[in-house]
N, C-alpha and C. Protein backbone atom coordinates (compact mmCIF):
# COMPACT_ATOMS: atom_id res chain seq x y z
N MET A 1 73.71 95.94 -39.56
CA MET A 1 74.35 97.21 -39.29
C MET A 1 73.52 98.00 -38.27
N ALA A 2 72.20 97.93 -38.41
CA ALA A 2 71.33 98.65 -37.48
C ALA A 2 71.50 98.15 -36.05
N ALA A 3 71.67 96.83 -35.89
CA ALA A 3 71.86 96.26 -34.55
C ALA A 3 73.17 96.75 -33.94
N ALA A 4 74.22 96.80 -34.73
CA ALA A 4 75.51 97.29 -34.23
C ALA A 4 75.41 98.75 -33.85
N GLU A 5 74.71 99.52 -34.65
CA GLU A 5 74.51 100.95 -34.35
C GLU A 5 73.76 101.11 -33.03
N ARG A 6 72.69 100.31 -32.83
CA ARG A 6 71.93 100.38 -31.57
C ARG A 6 72.81 100.01 -30.38
N ALA A 7 73.63 98.97 -30.55
CA ALA A 7 74.49 98.53 -29.44
C ALA A 7 75.46 99.64 -29.04
N HIS A 8 76.06 100.29 -30.01
CA HIS A 8 76.99 101.37 -29.70
C HIS A 8 76.27 102.56 -29.09
N GLN A 9 75.08 102.85 -29.55
CA GLN A 9 74.29 103.95 -28.99
C GLN A 9 73.99 103.66 -27.52
N ARG A 10 73.62 102.42 -27.22
CA ARG A 10 73.31 102.04 -25.84
C ARG A 10 74.57 102.02 -24.97
N ALA A 11 75.69 101.59 -25.54
CA ALA A 11 76.92 101.43 -24.76
C ALA A 11 77.56 102.75 -24.39
N ASP A 12 77.68 103.65 -25.37
CA ASP A 12 78.39 104.89 -25.06
C ASP A 12 77.70 106.14 -25.57
N GLY A 13 76.49 105.97 -26.08
CA GLY A 13 75.74 107.13 -26.53
C GLY A 13 76.19 107.69 -27.86
N GLY A 14 77.15 107.01 -28.50
CA GLY A 14 77.67 107.51 -29.77
C GLY A 14 77.29 106.61 -30.94
N SER A 15 77.78 107.00 -32.06
CA SER A 15 77.51 106.19 -33.25
C SER A 15 78.63 105.20 -33.47
N LEU A 16 78.49 104.38 -34.46
CA LEU A 16 79.51 103.39 -34.79
C LEU A 16 80.82 104.04 -35.22
N GLY A 17 80.73 105.13 -35.94
CA GLY A 17 81.94 105.75 -36.47
C GLY A 17 82.66 104.78 -37.39
N ASP A 18 83.97 104.73 -37.29
CA ASP A 18 84.75 103.86 -38.16
C ASP A 18 84.63 102.38 -37.81
N VAL A 19 84.01 102.09 -36.67
CA VAL A 19 83.74 100.68 -36.34
C VAL A 19 82.81 100.09 -37.40
N ALA A 20 82.06 100.93 -38.09
CA ALA A 20 81.17 100.46 -39.16
C ALA A 20 81.97 99.71 -40.23
N ILE A 21 83.20 100.13 -40.48
CA ILE A 21 84.03 99.45 -41.48
C ILE A 21 84.31 98.02 -41.01
N TYR A 22 84.66 97.88 -39.74
CA TYR A 22 84.90 96.54 -39.21
C TYR A 22 83.64 95.69 -39.31
N VAL A 23 82.50 96.24 -38.93
CA VAL A 23 81.24 95.49 -38.97
C VAL A 23 80.95 95.04 -40.40
N LEU A 24 81.12 95.94 -41.35
CA LEU A 24 80.89 95.57 -42.75
C LEU A 24 81.86 94.49 -43.24
N MET A 25 83.13 94.62 -42.89
CA MET A 25 84.12 93.63 -43.32
C MET A 25 83.83 92.28 -42.67
N ARG A 26 83.47 92.29 -41.41
CA ARG A 26 83.14 91.04 -40.70
C ARG A 26 81.91 90.41 -41.31
N THR A 27 80.90 91.19 -41.62
CA THR A 27 79.69 90.67 -42.24
C THR A 27 80.00 90.06 -43.61
N CYS A 28 80.80 90.75 -44.41
CA CYS A 28 81.20 90.22 -45.71
C CYS A 28 81.98 88.92 -45.55
N ASN A 29 82.87 88.87 -44.57
CA ASN A 29 83.66 87.66 -44.34
C ASN A 29 82.76 86.47 -44.00
N VAL A 30 81.80 86.70 -43.14
CA VAL A 30 80.88 85.62 -42.76
C VAL A 30 80.09 85.15 -43.98
N MET A 31 79.58 86.08 -44.76
CA MET A 31 78.81 85.70 -45.94
C MET A 31 79.66 85.00 -47.00
N MET A 32 80.91 85.45 -47.17
CA MET A 32 81.81 84.78 -48.12
C MET A 32 82.11 83.36 -47.66
N HIS A 33 82.31 83.18 -46.35
CA HIS A 33 82.58 81.86 -45.80
C HIS A 33 81.37 80.94 -46.03
N GLU A 34 80.16 81.47 -45.79
CA GLU A 34 78.95 80.69 -46.02
C GLU A 34 78.79 80.34 -47.49
N ARG A 35 79.11 81.28 -48.36
CA ARG A 35 79.02 81.05 -49.81
C ARG A 35 79.99 79.95 -50.23
N LEU A 36 81.24 80.02 -49.75
CA LEU A 36 82.22 78.99 -50.06
C LEU A 36 81.77 77.65 -49.52
N GLY A 37 81.22 77.65 -48.31
CA GLY A 37 80.71 76.41 -47.72
C GLY A 37 79.64 75.76 -48.59
N GLY A 38 78.75 76.58 -49.14
CA GLY A 38 77.72 76.06 -50.02
C GLY A 38 78.28 75.45 -51.29
N LEU A 39 79.35 76.03 -51.81
CA LEU A 39 79.98 75.51 -53.02
C LEU A 39 80.74 74.21 -52.75
N LEU A 40 81.28 74.07 -51.53
CA LEU A 40 82.09 72.89 -51.19
C LEU A 40 81.27 71.74 -50.63
N GLU A 41 80.12 72.05 -50.07
CA GLU A 41 79.30 71.04 -49.39
C GLU A 41 78.99 69.82 -50.27
N PRO A 42 78.64 69.99 -51.55
CA PRO A 42 78.36 68.80 -52.37
C PRO A 42 79.55 67.85 -52.51
N HIS A 43 80.74 68.34 -52.23
CA HIS A 43 81.95 67.53 -52.33
C HIS A 43 82.36 66.95 -50.97
N GLY A 44 81.58 67.24 -49.92
CA GLY A 44 81.89 66.74 -48.59
C GLY A 44 83.05 67.46 -47.94
N LEU A 45 83.27 68.70 -48.35
CA LEU A 45 84.42 69.47 -47.87
C LEU A 45 83.94 70.76 -47.24
N THR A 46 84.61 71.18 -46.18
CA THR A 46 84.31 72.46 -45.52
C THR A 46 85.30 73.51 -46.01
N PRO A 47 84.98 74.79 -45.81
CA PRO A 47 85.97 75.82 -46.17
C PRO A 47 87.31 75.62 -45.47
N LEU A 48 87.31 75.26 -44.18
CA LEU A 48 88.57 75.05 -43.47
C LEU A 48 89.32 73.84 -44.01
N GLY A 49 88.58 72.80 -44.37
CA GLY A 49 89.21 71.64 -44.97
C GLY A 49 89.85 71.99 -46.31
N TYR A 50 89.13 72.77 -47.11
CA TYR A 50 89.66 73.18 -48.41
C TYR A 50 90.91 74.04 -48.23
N MET A 51 90.85 75.02 -47.31
CA MET A 51 92.00 75.89 -47.09
C MET A 51 93.20 75.11 -46.57
N THR A 52 92.94 74.10 -45.74
CA THR A 52 94.02 73.26 -45.22
C THR A 52 94.65 72.46 -46.35
N MET A 53 93.82 71.88 -47.20
CA MET A 53 94.35 71.11 -48.33
C MET A 53 95.13 72.01 -49.29
N MET A 54 94.62 73.21 -49.53
CA MET A 54 95.33 74.14 -50.42
C MET A 54 96.64 74.60 -49.81
N ALA A 55 96.68 74.78 -48.48
CA ALA A 55 97.93 75.16 -47.81
C ALA A 55 98.96 74.05 -48.00
N LEU A 56 98.52 72.83 -47.91
CA LEU A 56 99.42 71.70 -48.11
C LEU A 56 99.82 71.58 -49.58
N TYR A 57 98.87 71.80 -50.47
CA TYR A 57 99.11 71.71 -51.91
C TYR A 57 100.10 72.77 -52.38
N SER A 58 100.16 73.88 -51.67
CA SER A 58 101.06 74.97 -52.05
C SER A 58 102.52 74.65 -51.74
N ARG A 59 102.74 73.66 -50.93
CA ARG A 59 104.10 73.29 -50.55
C ARG A 59 104.69 72.37 -51.62
N VAL A 60 105.86 72.72 -52.11
CA VAL A 60 106.50 71.98 -53.20
C VAL A 60 106.63 70.49 -52.86
N GLU A 61 107.01 70.21 -51.64
CA GLU A 61 107.24 68.83 -51.24
C GLU A 61 105.96 68.10 -50.81
N ASN A 62 104.82 68.81 -50.78
CA ASN A 62 103.53 68.23 -50.40
C ASN A 62 103.59 67.59 -49.02
N LEU A 63 104.35 68.20 -48.13
CA LEU A 63 104.47 67.71 -46.75
C LEU A 63 104.42 68.87 -45.78
N ALA A 64 103.74 68.66 -44.68
CA ALA A 64 103.73 69.65 -43.59
C ALA A 64 103.29 68.93 -42.33
N ASN A 65 103.64 69.49 -41.20
CA ASN A 65 103.10 68.93 -39.96
C ASN A 65 101.89 69.77 -39.56
N PRO A 66 101.06 69.26 -38.68
CA PRO A 66 99.85 70.00 -38.31
C PRO A 66 100.14 71.41 -37.76
N SER A 67 101.27 71.58 -37.09
CA SER A 67 101.61 72.92 -36.57
C SER A 67 101.84 73.90 -37.71
N GLU A 68 102.53 73.45 -38.76
CA GLU A 68 102.77 74.31 -39.92
C GLU A 68 101.46 74.64 -40.62
N LEU A 69 100.56 73.67 -40.71
CA LEU A 69 99.25 73.93 -41.33
C LEU A 69 98.42 74.87 -40.46
N SER A 70 98.58 74.75 -39.15
CA SER A 70 97.91 75.65 -38.22
C SER A 70 98.37 77.08 -38.45
N ASP A 71 99.67 77.26 -38.59
CA ASP A 71 100.22 78.59 -38.86
C ASP A 71 99.73 79.14 -40.20
N ALA A 72 99.66 78.27 -41.21
CA ALA A 72 99.27 78.70 -42.55
C ALA A 72 97.80 79.11 -42.63
N THR A 73 96.95 78.46 -41.83
CA THR A 73 95.51 78.72 -41.90
C THR A 73 95.00 79.65 -40.80
N GLY A 74 95.81 79.83 -39.75
CA GLY A 74 95.37 80.65 -38.63
C GLY A 74 94.49 79.90 -37.65
N GLU A 75 94.38 78.60 -37.82
CA GLU A 75 93.57 77.78 -36.92
C GLU A 75 94.41 77.34 -35.72
N THR A 76 93.74 77.02 -34.62
CA THR A 76 94.46 76.52 -33.45
C THR A 76 95.00 75.13 -33.78
N ARG A 77 96.00 74.72 -33.04
CA ARG A 77 96.59 73.40 -33.28
C ARG A 77 95.60 72.30 -32.98
N GLY A 78 94.80 72.49 -31.95
CA GLY A 78 93.77 71.49 -31.63
C GLY A 78 92.75 71.35 -32.76
N ASN A 79 92.30 72.48 -33.29
CA ASN A 79 91.33 72.43 -34.38
C ASN A 79 91.98 71.86 -35.64
N MET A 80 93.26 72.17 -35.87
CA MET A 80 93.94 71.65 -37.05
C MET A 80 94.06 70.13 -36.97
N THR A 81 94.30 69.60 -35.79
CA THR A 81 94.35 68.15 -35.63
C THR A 81 93.01 67.54 -36.01
N ARG A 82 91.91 68.15 -35.57
CA ARG A 82 90.58 67.66 -35.90
C ARG A 82 90.33 67.72 -37.41
N ILE A 83 90.72 68.85 -38.03
CA ILE A 83 90.54 69.02 -39.48
C ILE A 83 91.34 67.96 -40.23
N CYS A 84 92.60 67.77 -39.83
CA CYS A 84 93.45 66.76 -40.50
C CYS A 84 92.88 65.36 -40.30
N ASP A 85 92.40 65.05 -39.10
CA ASP A 85 91.79 63.73 -38.86
C ASP A 85 90.63 63.49 -39.83
N ASP A 86 89.79 64.51 -40.00
CA ASP A 86 88.65 64.40 -40.91
C ASP A 86 89.10 64.17 -42.35
N LEU A 87 90.11 64.92 -42.78
CA LEU A 87 90.59 64.81 -44.16
C LEU A 87 91.32 63.48 -44.40
N VAL A 88 91.99 62.97 -43.37
CA VAL A 88 92.61 61.64 -43.46
C VAL A 88 91.52 60.58 -43.55
N ASP A 89 90.48 60.71 -42.71
CA ASP A 89 89.37 59.74 -42.73
C ASP A 89 88.68 59.71 -44.10
N LYS A 90 88.64 60.85 -44.78
CA LYS A 90 87.99 60.92 -46.10
C LYS A 90 88.91 60.47 -47.23
N GLY A 91 90.17 60.20 -46.88
CA GLY A 91 91.11 59.68 -47.87
C GLY A 91 91.79 60.75 -48.71
N TRP A 92 91.69 62.01 -48.31
CA TRP A 92 92.28 63.10 -49.09
C TRP A 92 93.68 63.48 -48.60
N MET A 93 93.98 63.09 -47.37
CA MET A 93 95.32 63.33 -46.82
C MET A 93 95.75 62.06 -46.11
N LYS A 94 97.07 61.94 -45.90
CA LYS A 94 97.60 60.79 -45.17
C LYS A 94 98.71 61.24 -44.25
N ARG A 95 98.92 60.46 -43.20
CA ARG A 95 100.02 60.71 -42.28
C ARG A 95 101.26 60.00 -42.80
N VAL A 96 102.38 60.70 -42.71
CA VAL A 96 103.64 60.17 -43.22
C VAL A 96 104.71 60.35 -42.14
N PRO A 97 105.45 59.29 -41.80
CA PRO A 97 106.54 59.46 -40.83
C PRO A 97 107.57 60.46 -41.37
N ASN A 98 108.06 61.29 -40.47
CA ASN A 98 109.08 62.27 -40.86
C ASN A 98 110.42 61.57 -40.97
N ALA A 99 111.12 61.81 -42.08
CA ALA A 99 112.39 61.13 -42.34
C ALA A 99 113.49 61.57 -41.38
N GLU A 100 113.41 62.79 -40.86
CA GLU A 100 114.48 63.33 -40.02
C GLU A 100 114.20 63.21 -38.52
N ASP A 101 112.94 63.17 -38.13
CA ASP A 101 112.58 63.13 -36.71
C ASP A 101 111.52 62.05 -36.53
N ARG A 102 111.88 60.95 -35.93
CA ARG A 102 110.96 59.81 -35.79
C ARG A 102 109.76 60.14 -34.91
N ARG A 103 109.87 61.16 -34.08
CA ARG A 103 108.75 61.54 -33.21
C ARG A 103 107.70 62.36 -33.95
N ARG A 104 108.08 62.90 -35.08
CA ARG A 104 107.21 63.80 -35.83
C ARG A 104 106.48 63.05 -36.94
N VAL A 105 105.23 63.42 -37.14
CA VAL A 105 104.42 62.87 -38.22
C VAL A 105 104.01 64.02 -39.12
N ASP A 106 104.24 63.87 -40.40
CA ASP A 106 103.84 64.88 -41.36
C ASP A 106 102.54 64.48 -42.02
N ILE A 107 101.95 65.42 -42.72
CA ILE A 107 100.71 65.21 -43.46
C ILE A 107 101.02 65.43 -44.93
N SER A 108 100.43 64.60 -45.77
CA SER A 108 100.61 64.72 -47.22
C SER A 108 99.26 64.52 -47.89
N LEU A 109 99.08 65.15 -49.04
CA LEU A 109 97.88 64.91 -49.83
C LEU A 109 97.98 63.55 -50.50
N THR A 110 96.87 62.86 -50.58
CA THR A 110 96.81 61.62 -51.34
C THR A 110 96.55 61.97 -52.80
N ASP A 111 96.66 60.98 -53.67
CA ASP A 111 96.32 61.20 -55.08
C ASP A 111 94.87 61.64 -55.20
N SER A 112 94.01 61.06 -54.38
CA SER A 112 92.59 61.43 -54.38
C SER A 112 92.40 62.89 -53.96
N GLY A 113 93.16 63.32 -52.96
CA GLY A 113 93.09 64.72 -52.51
C GLY A 113 93.58 65.68 -53.58
N MET A 114 94.67 65.33 -54.23
CA MET A 114 95.18 66.19 -55.30
C MET A 114 94.20 66.25 -56.47
N SER A 115 93.60 65.13 -56.77
CA SER A 115 92.61 65.08 -57.85
C SER A 115 91.42 65.98 -57.52
N LEU A 116 90.96 65.92 -56.27
CA LEU A 116 89.84 66.78 -55.85
C LEU A 116 90.20 68.25 -56.00
N LEU A 117 91.38 68.64 -55.55
CA LEU A 117 91.81 70.04 -55.65
C LEU A 117 91.97 70.46 -57.11
N ASN A 118 92.49 69.58 -57.94
CA ASN A 118 92.64 69.90 -59.36
C ASN A 118 91.28 70.11 -60.03
N LYS A 119 90.27 69.46 -59.50
CA LYS A 119 88.90 69.63 -60.02
C LYS A 119 88.25 70.89 -59.45
N LEU A 120 88.38 71.08 -58.13
CA LEU A 120 87.68 72.17 -57.45
C LEU A 120 88.29 73.55 -57.67
N ALA A 121 89.61 73.66 -57.63
CA ALA A 121 90.25 74.98 -57.69
C ALA A 121 89.83 75.77 -58.92
N PRO A 122 89.84 75.18 -60.13
CA PRO A 122 89.41 75.97 -61.29
C PRO A 122 87.93 76.37 -61.22
N GLN A 123 87.09 75.48 -60.68
CA GLN A 123 85.67 75.79 -60.54
C GLN A 123 85.45 76.95 -59.57
N LEU A 124 86.14 76.91 -58.44
CA LEU A 124 86.00 77.97 -57.44
C LEU A 124 86.56 79.29 -57.96
N ARG A 125 87.66 79.22 -58.68
CA ARG A 125 88.24 80.44 -59.27
C ARG A 125 87.27 81.05 -60.27
N GLN A 126 86.67 80.22 -61.12
CA GLN A 126 85.71 80.73 -62.11
C GLN A 126 84.49 81.32 -61.42
N ASN A 127 84.03 80.66 -60.36
CA ASN A 127 82.89 81.17 -59.61
C ASN A 127 83.21 82.53 -59.01
N ALA A 128 84.41 82.67 -58.44
CA ALA A 128 84.82 83.96 -57.85
C ALA A 128 84.95 85.02 -58.94
N ASP A 129 85.58 84.66 -60.06
CA ASP A 129 85.72 85.61 -61.17
C ASP A 129 84.35 86.11 -61.63
N ASP A 130 83.41 85.19 -61.78
CA ASP A 130 82.06 85.56 -62.22
C ASP A 130 81.38 86.48 -61.20
N PHE A 131 81.53 86.15 -59.91
CA PHE A 131 80.93 86.97 -58.86
C PHE A 131 81.48 88.40 -58.89
N TYR A 132 82.80 88.53 -58.93
CA TYR A 132 83.40 89.86 -58.91
C TYR A 132 83.10 90.64 -60.19
N ARG A 133 83.00 89.93 -61.30
CA ARG A 133 82.65 90.59 -62.57
C ARG A 133 81.22 91.15 -62.52
N ARG A 134 80.32 90.40 -61.86
CA ARG A 134 78.93 90.87 -61.71
C ARG A 134 78.82 92.02 -60.71
N THR A 135 79.73 92.06 -59.75
CA THR A 135 79.60 92.98 -58.62
C THR A 135 80.35 94.29 -58.83
N PHE A 136 81.52 94.24 -59.47
CA PHE A 136 82.37 95.42 -59.61
C PHE A 136 82.81 95.62 -61.05
N THR A 137 83.08 96.88 -61.39
CA THR A 137 83.76 97.14 -62.66
C THR A 137 85.23 96.74 -62.47
N LYS A 138 85.98 96.68 -63.55
CA LYS A 138 87.41 96.35 -63.45
C LYS A 138 88.13 97.36 -62.56
N ALA A 139 87.81 98.63 -62.73
CA ALA A 139 88.47 99.68 -61.94
C ALA A 139 88.10 99.55 -60.46
N GLU A 140 86.83 99.27 -60.17
CA GLU A 140 86.42 99.11 -58.77
C GLU A 140 87.12 97.91 -58.14
N LYS A 141 87.20 96.82 -58.88
CA LYS A 141 87.87 95.62 -58.36
C LYS A 141 89.35 95.90 -58.09
N ALA A 142 90.00 96.61 -58.98
CA ALA A 142 91.42 96.96 -58.79
C ALA A 142 91.58 97.85 -57.56
N THR A 143 90.67 98.80 -57.40
CA THR A 143 90.72 99.70 -56.24
C THR A 143 90.49 98.92 -54.95
N LEU A 144 89.50 98.02 -54.97
CA LEU A 144 89.22 97.20 -53.79
C LEU A 144 90.44 96.37 -53.42
N GLN A 145 91.05 95.75 -54.40
CA GLN A 145 92.24 94.93 -54.14
C GLN A 145 93.37 95.79 -53.58
N GLN A 146 93.56 96.96 -54.13
CA GLN A 146 94.62 97.85 -53.66
C GLN A 146 94.34 98.29 -52.22
N LEU A 147 93.10 98.64 -51.92
CA LEU A 147 92.75 99.07 -50.57
C LEU A 147 92.87 97.94 -49.56
N LEU A 148 92.44 96.75 -49.94
CA LEU A 148 92.54 95.62 -49.02
C LEU A 148 94.00 95.23 -48.78
N THR A 149 94.83 95.34 -49.80
CA THR A 149 96.26 95.08 -49.64
C THR A 149 96.86 96.10 -48.67
N GLN A 150 96.53 97.36 -48.86
CA GLN A 150 97.01 98.42 -47.97
C GLN A 150 96.53 98.18 -46.54
N PHE A 151 95.29 97.79 -46.40
CA PHE A 151 94.69 97.52 -45.09
C PHE A 151 95.38 96.33 -44.42
N SER A 152 95.61 95.28 -45.19
CA SER A 152 96.27 94.09 -44.67
C SER A 152 97.69 94.40 -44.21
N GLU A 153 98.41 95.18 -44.98
CA GLU A 153 99.78 95.55 -44.61
C GLU A 153 99.79 96.41 -43.34
N ALA A 154 98.83 97.31 -43.23
CA ALA A 154 98.74 98.15 -42.03
C ALA A 154 98.44 97.30 -40.80
N LEU A 155 97.54 96.35 -40.95
CA LEU A 155 97.22 95.46 -39.82
C LEU A 155 98.43 94.61 -39.45
N ALA A 156 99.15 94.09 -40.44
CA ALA A 156 100.34 93.28 -40.17
C ALA A 156 101.39 94.08 -39.40
N ASN A 157 101.50 95.36 -39.73
CA ASN A 157 102.46 96.21 -39.03
C ASN A 157 102.06 96.49 -37.59
N GLU A 158 100.79 96.33 -37.28
CA GLU A 158 100.30 96.57 -35.92
C GLU A 158 100.50 95.36 -35.02
N LEU A 159 100.71 94.19 -35.61
CA LEU A 159 100.84 92.96 -34.80
C LEU A 159 102.19 92.85 -34.16
């Protein structure tokens, strides 16, 4: 935070002001991503790999093309192709010909991928529950969730 404050002081002679909220949220996001990475690393999975698999797992038919997964995760299509290639190589996802369009290839979770998610999701949920329980009271957590929801909706309206 001090470095961001110095940068703004040098740039325009002012303080961070409300930009401090962005800096704090960005810092928390980076640390949460690193924390998740540490929890997933023993399983050979990255946060983006896990989010991609969960995006696919959320689909009733367990099928999506890389473009749809890119939209669901916010990753570029090029990066999504790389992520899918890695998950296919590890045996957690497979490529499936599309029944309606022969030019299109869909992605599906393998039994091994579903088994991994069935094992990891409850562990990660419990870890998150424990973290938030240690960090916030019930009322604070509810307020944080309400504020973040409000913030997310406001940002969505700006896009």
